[in-house]
Amino acid sequence: MRLKDRVAVITGAANGIGLATARKFADEGAILVLCDVQQEALDRALAGLLPRSPQSSAYRVDVTKRAEVDAMVQAVLARHGRIDVLVNNAGITRDARLQKMTEEQFDQVIDVNLKGVFHCTQAVVGPMLERGSGVILNASSVVGLYGNFGQTNYAATKAGVIGFTRTWARELGPKGIRVNAVCPGFIATDILSTIPEKVLERMRESCWLHRLGQPEEIANIYAFLASDEASYVNGVALEASGGMSL
């Protein structure tokens, strides 16, 4: 088990890539701390994961609210004494063309996808520094690398997350904390459920595997990056898109 007894905080853990990552981490022996704003989905996720990881817990946390993030971190430290891994997975979309995007749409995505990552990382880094070890994993996107039609706000946040990752890797790497990002392509999660089949087909054809990615495939990458097998990997923004950029 690559993550045996490591305490891993995962935001946006109730569904999609976050839930798949929680399942993978549980199978690798981690103690899970599931965070999400969707209480019912969070409760279901925890119930399904407790048989695999009996010491795990769940907290309703809005990552845009620093007080809620700090309260979760303090509760985890009181219970386990440490945080070994943070997966900044929580994210939302509010898509619109530039001319039609409202200030509210822009601010909502910035607050969750960018400021939320800042809140969570700043909250856990103190205890990690005290121990001289830790892993921070950030969810970026191919959209942060290449842009995407109708996603001014989302693309800005995912590019910003890469900037966070490279900056923190420089600041924290010498102190024993590795920071990396994953840039998924089009992944088959609920976020695609409202997209017409014609558009989905174009997504499949945009990569050289000619299919959507699965949440478990991204979870596998997070598990590797969180483990000692990736002990010399720091400051990377790893594209996992089936070859979109070829």
Protein backbone atom coordinates (compact mmCIF):
# COMPACT_ATOMS: atom_id res chain seq x y z
CA MET A 1 0.00 0.00 0.00
CA ARG A 2 1.65 3.18 -1.23
CA LEU A 3 -0.24 5.56 1.09
CA LYS A 4 -0.59 3.43 4.21
CA ASP A 5 -1.80 5.49 7.20
CA ARG A 6 -1.22 8.82 5.46
CA VAL A 7 -3.85 11.45 6.25
CA ALA A 8 -5.18 12.84 2.97
CA VAL A 9 -7.54 15.81 2.69
CA ILE A 10 -9.50 15.77 -0.58
CA THR A 11 -11.76 18.68 -1.53
CA GLY A 12 -14.67 18.18 -3.91
CA ALA A 13 -14.63 14.57 -2.74
CA ALA A 14 -18.31 13.70 -3.04
CA ASN A 15 -18.39 13.10 -6.80
CA GLY A 16 -16.37 12.67 -9.98
CA ILE A 17 -12.60 12.79 -9.88
CA GLY A 18 -12.60 13.65 -6.18
CA LEU A 19 -14.58 10.55 -5.24
CA ALA A 20 -12.52 8.35 -7.56
CA THR A 21 -9.37 9.73 -5.93
CA ALA A 22 -10.75 9.00 -2.48
CA ARG A 23 -11.47 5.40 -3.48
CA LYS A 24 -7.99 4.96 -4.92
CA PHE A 25 -6.34 6.49 -1.87
CA ALA A 26 -8.41 4.23 0.40
CA ASP A 27 -7.25 1.18 -1.55
CA GLU A 28 -3.68 2.40 -1.07
CA GLY A 29 -4.16 2.56 2.72
CA ALA A 30 -4.78 6.28 3.27
CA ILE A 31 -6.88 7.81 6.04
CA LEU A 32 -9.35 10.01 4.17
CA VAL A 33 -10.66 13.45 5.03
CA LEU A 34 -13.49 14.09 2.57
CA CYS A 35 -14.55 17.70 2.02
CA ASP A 36 -17.44 18.98 -0.09
CA VAL A 37 -20.37 21.44 0.01
CA GLN A 38 -22.93 18.75 -0.92
CA GLN A 39 -23.85 17.21 2.43
CA GLU A 40 -25.98 14.30 1.19
CA ALA A 41 -23.47 13.25 -1.46
CA LEU A 42 -20.68 13.63 1.09
CA ASP A 43 -22.49 11.36 3.54
CA ARG A 44 -22.98 8.73 0.83
CA ALA A 45 -19.33 8.92 -0.15
CA LEU A 46 -18.16 8.46 3.43
CA ALA A 47 -20.52 5.53 4.02
CA GLY A 48 -19.16 3.80 0.93
CA LEU A 49 -15.54 4.40 1.88
CA LEU A 50 -15.54 3.55 5.59
CA PRO A 51 -15.29 -0.22 4.94
CA ARG A 52 -12.08 0.45 3.01
CA SER A 53 -10.72 3.15 5.33
CA PRO A 54 -12.34 2.93 8.80
CA GLN A 55 -10.60 5.99 10.28
CA SER A 56 -11.86 8.30 7.55
CA SER A 57 -14.10 11.31 8.16
CA ALA A 58 -16.08 13.90 6.22
CA TYR A 59 -16.59 17.63 6.64
CA ARG A 60 -18.96 19.98 4.87
CA VAL A 61 -16.59 22.71 3.76
CA ASP A 62 -17.06 25.66 1.44
CA VAL A 63 -13.52 26.33 0.25
CA THR A 64 -14.37 29.98 -0.42
CA LYS A 65 -14.89 30.51 3.32
CA ARG A 66 -11.60 30.54 5.17
CA ALA A 67 -13.19 30.02 8.58
CA GLU A 68 -14.72 26.71 7.42
CA VAL A 69 -11.41 25.56 5.94
CA ASP A 70 -9.52 26.46 9.12
CA ALA A 71 -12.09 24.68 11.30
CA MET A 72 -11.75 21.51 9.22
CA VAL A 73 -7.96 21.58 9.42
CA GLN A 74 -8.01 22.07 13.18
CA ALA A 75 -10.46 19.19 13.58
CA VAL A 76 -8.26 16.90 11.48
CA LEU A 77 -5.14 17.86 13.43
CA ALA A 78 -6.95 17.25 16.72
CA ARG A 79 -8.02 13.80 15.52
CA HIS A 80 -4.95 12.60 13.64
CA GLY A 81 -2.15 14.96 14.61
CA ARG A 82 -1.06 15.65 11.06
CA ILE A 83 -2.01 16.16 7.41
CA ASP A 84 0.21 14.36 4.92
CA VAL A 85 -1.52 15.06 1.60
CA LEU A 86 -3.85 17.77 0.29
CA VAL A 87 -5.70 17.28 -2.99
CA ASN A 88 -7.18 20.59 -4.12
CA ASN A 89 -9.86 19.10 -6.34
CA ALA A 90 -12.93 21.30 -5.67
CA GLY A 91 -13.99 23.25 -8.73
CA ILE A 92 -16.97 24.64 -10.63
CA THR A 93 -17.80 25.95 -14.11
CA ARG A 94 -19.97 28.93 -15.06
CA ASP A 95 -19.47 29.08 -18.81
CA ALA A 96 -20.30 31.97 -21.14
CA ARG A 97 -18.71 33.87 -23.99
CA LEU A 98 -16.65 36.87 -22.93
CA GLN A 99 -19.32 39.37 -24.03
CA LYS A 100 -22.06 37.61 -22.10
CA MET A 101 -20.20 36.51 -18.95
CA THR A 102 -21.54 38.25 -15.87
CA GLU A 103 -19.37 39.52 -13.06
CA GLU A 104 -21.11 37.03 -10.77
CA GLN A 105 -20.17 34.11 -13.05
CA PHE A 106 -16.58 35.31 -13.18
CA ASP A 107 -16.29 35.84 -9.42
CA GLN A 108 -17.88 32.51 -8.48
CA VAL A 109 -15.36 30.51 -10.50
CA ILE A 110 -12.40 32.59 -9.29
CA ASP A 111 -13.50 32.19 -5.68
CA VAL A 112 -13.84 28.39 -5.79
CA ASN A 113 -11.21 27.31 -8.29
CA LEU A 114 -8.44 29.75 -7.43
CA LYS A 115 -9.02 31.39 -4.06
CA GLY A 116 -10.27 28.09 -2.62
CA VAL A 117 -6.97 26.44 -3.55
CA PHE A 118 -5.13 29.29 -1.83
CA HIS A 119 -7.28 28.96 1.31
CA CYS A 120 -6.83 25.21 1.65
CA THR A 121 -3.12 25.18 0.90
CA GLN A 122 -2.31 28.04 3.26
CA ALA A 123 -4.33 26.34 5.99
CA VAL A 124 -2.43 23.02 5.79
CA VAL A 125 1.07 24.23 4.99
CA GLY A 126 1.89 25.33 8.54
CA PRO A 127 1.47 21.85 10.04
CA MET A 128 3.32 20.34 7.05
CA LEU A 129 6.25 22.69 7.60
CA GLU A 130 6.39 21.75 11.26
CA ARG A 131 6.76 18.09 10.27
CA GLY A 132 9.10 18.85 7.38
CA SER A 133 7.07 16.81 4.91
CA GLY A 134 3.89 16.86 2.86
CA VAL A 135 2.36 16.65 -0.59
CA ILE A 136 0.07 19.23 -2.22
CA LEU A 137 -1.73 18.24 -5.41
CA ASN A 138 -3.67 20.80 -7.43
CA ALA A 139 -6.37 20.18 -10.03
CA SER A 140 -5.63 22.20 -13.13
CA SER A 141 -6.88 21.37 -16.65
CA VAL A 142 -5.84 21.32 -20.28
CA VAL A 143 -8.02 24.42 -20.46
CA GLY A 144 -5.43 26.12 -18.27
CA LEU A 145 -2.76 25.19 -20.82
CA TYR A 146 -4.56 25.95 -24.09
CA GLY A 147 -7.70 27.96 -23.26
CA ASN A 148 -11.23 27.02 -24.30
CA PHE A 149 -14.15 28.71 -26.00
CA GLY A 150 -16.65 30.13 -23.49
CA GLN A 151 -14.44 29.55 -20.45
CA THR A 152 -12.65 32.84 -19.74
CA ASN A 153 -13.15 32.41 -16.00
CA TYR A 154 -12.35 28.68 -15.82
CA ALA A 155 -9.27 28.95 -18.05
CA ALA A 156 -7.94 31.82 -15.93
CA THR A 157 -8.29 29.79 -12.74
CA LYS A 158 -6.69 26.67 -14.14
CA ALA A 159 -3.76 28.65 -15.55
CA GLY A 160 -3.50 30.35 -12.17
CA VAL A 161 -3.35 26.99 -10.41
CA ILE A 162 -0.31 26.10 -12.52
CA GLY A 163 1.27 29.37 -11.40
CA PHE A 164 0.49 28.48 -7.78
CA THR A 165 2.02 25.04 -8.26
CA ARG A 166 5.31 26.24 -9.70
CA THR A 167 5.66 29.02 -7.14
CA TRP A 168 4.91 26.79 -4.15
CA ALA A 169 7.22 24.08 -5.48
CA ARG A 170 10.04 26.61 -5.29
CA GLU A 171 9.05 27.92 -1.87
CA LEU A 172 8.20 24.62 -0.19
CA GLY A 173 10.35 22.03 -1.98
CA PRO A 174 13.48 22.88 0.04
CA LYS A 175 11.42 22.32 3.19
CA GLY A 176 10.27 18.81 2.31
CA ILE A 177 6.90 19.60 0.72
CA ARG A 178 6.29 18.60 -2.90
CA VAL A 179 3.71 20.49 -4.98
CA ASN A 180 2.38 19.25 -8.32
CA ALA A 181 -0.62 19.77 -10.58
CA VAL A 182 -2.61 17.49 -12.85
CA CYS A 183 -4.15 18.83 -16.06
CA PRO A 184 -6.93 16.44 -17.16
CA GLY A 185 -8.48 16.55 -20.59
CA PHE A 186 -12.15 15.70 -21.10
CA ILE A 187 -13.17 13.30 -18.33
CA ALA A 188 -16.47 11.39 -18.16
CA THR A 189 -17.98 12.94 -15.03
CA ASP A 190 -21.36 14.46 -14.21
CA ILE A 191 -20.11 17.82 -15.41
CA LEU A 192 -20.51 16.51 -19.00
CA SER A 193 -24.01 15.11 -18.47
CA THR A 194 -25.77 18.07 -20.08
CA ILE A 195 -23.50 18.26 -23.13
CA PRO A 196 -25.07 17.13 -26.44
CA GLU A 197 -23.77 13.92 -27.98
CA LYS A 198 -22.51 15.82 -31.04
CA VAL A 199 -20.24 17.90 -28.80
CA LEU A 200 -19.13 14.83 -26.84
CA GLU A 201 -18.11 13.17 -30.09
CA ARG A 202 -15.93 16.17 -30.97
CA MET A 203 -14.34 15.88 -27.52
CA ARG A 204 -13.54 12.22 -28.15
CA GLU A 205 -12.02 13.01 -31.52
CA SER A 206 -9.89 15.81 -30.07
CA CYS A 207 -7.47 13.33 -28.50
CA TRP A 208 -5.53 10.49 -30.09
CA LEU A 209 -7.11 7.82 -27.89
CA HIS A 210 -10.51 8.84 -29.35
CA ARG A 211 -12.36 8.52 -26.06
CA LEU A 212 -13.13 10.43 -22.88
CA GLY A 213 -10.95 9.82 -19.87
CA GLN A 214 -12.27 8.06 -16.79
CA PRO A 215 -12.11 9.57 -13.28
CA GLU A 216 -10.14 6.54 -12.10
CA GLU A 217 -7.39 7.33 -14.61
CA ILE A 218 -6.85 10.73 -13.00
CA ALA A 219 -7.09 9.20 -9.52
CA ASN A 220 -4.25 6.84 -10.42
CA ILE A 221 -2.05 9.83 -11.23
CA TYR A 222 -2.87 11.53 -7.95
CA ALA A 223 -2.04 8.34 -6.06
CA PHE A 224 1.35 8.12 -7.76
CA LEU A 225 2.16 11.79 -7.13
CA ALA A 226 1.13 11.47 -3.48
CA SER A 227 3.35 8.44 -2.93
CA ASP A 228 7.07 8.06 -2.28
CA GLU A 229 7.39 6.69 -5.82
CA ALA A 230 7.17 10.34 -6.94
CA SER A 231 9.66 11.56 -4.35
CA TYR A 232 11.69 13.48 -6.97
CA VAL A 233 8.69 15.00 -8.78
CA ASN A 234 8.10 18.63 -7.84
CA GLY A 235 6.61 21.61 -9.68
CA VAL A 236 5.09 19.55 -12.51
CA ALA A 237 1.85 20.32 -14.36
CA LEU A 238 1.13 16.87 -15.78
CA GLU A 239 -1.18 16.74 -18.79
CA ALA A 240 -3.46 13.70 -18.86
CA SER A 241 -5.56 14.24 -21.96
CA GLY A 242 -5.10 11.25 -24.21
CA GLY A 243 -2.79 13.27 -26.43
CA MET A 244 -4.84 16.42 -27.13
CA SER A 245 -1.72 18.50 -27.58
CA LEU A 246 -0.11 16.24 -30.21
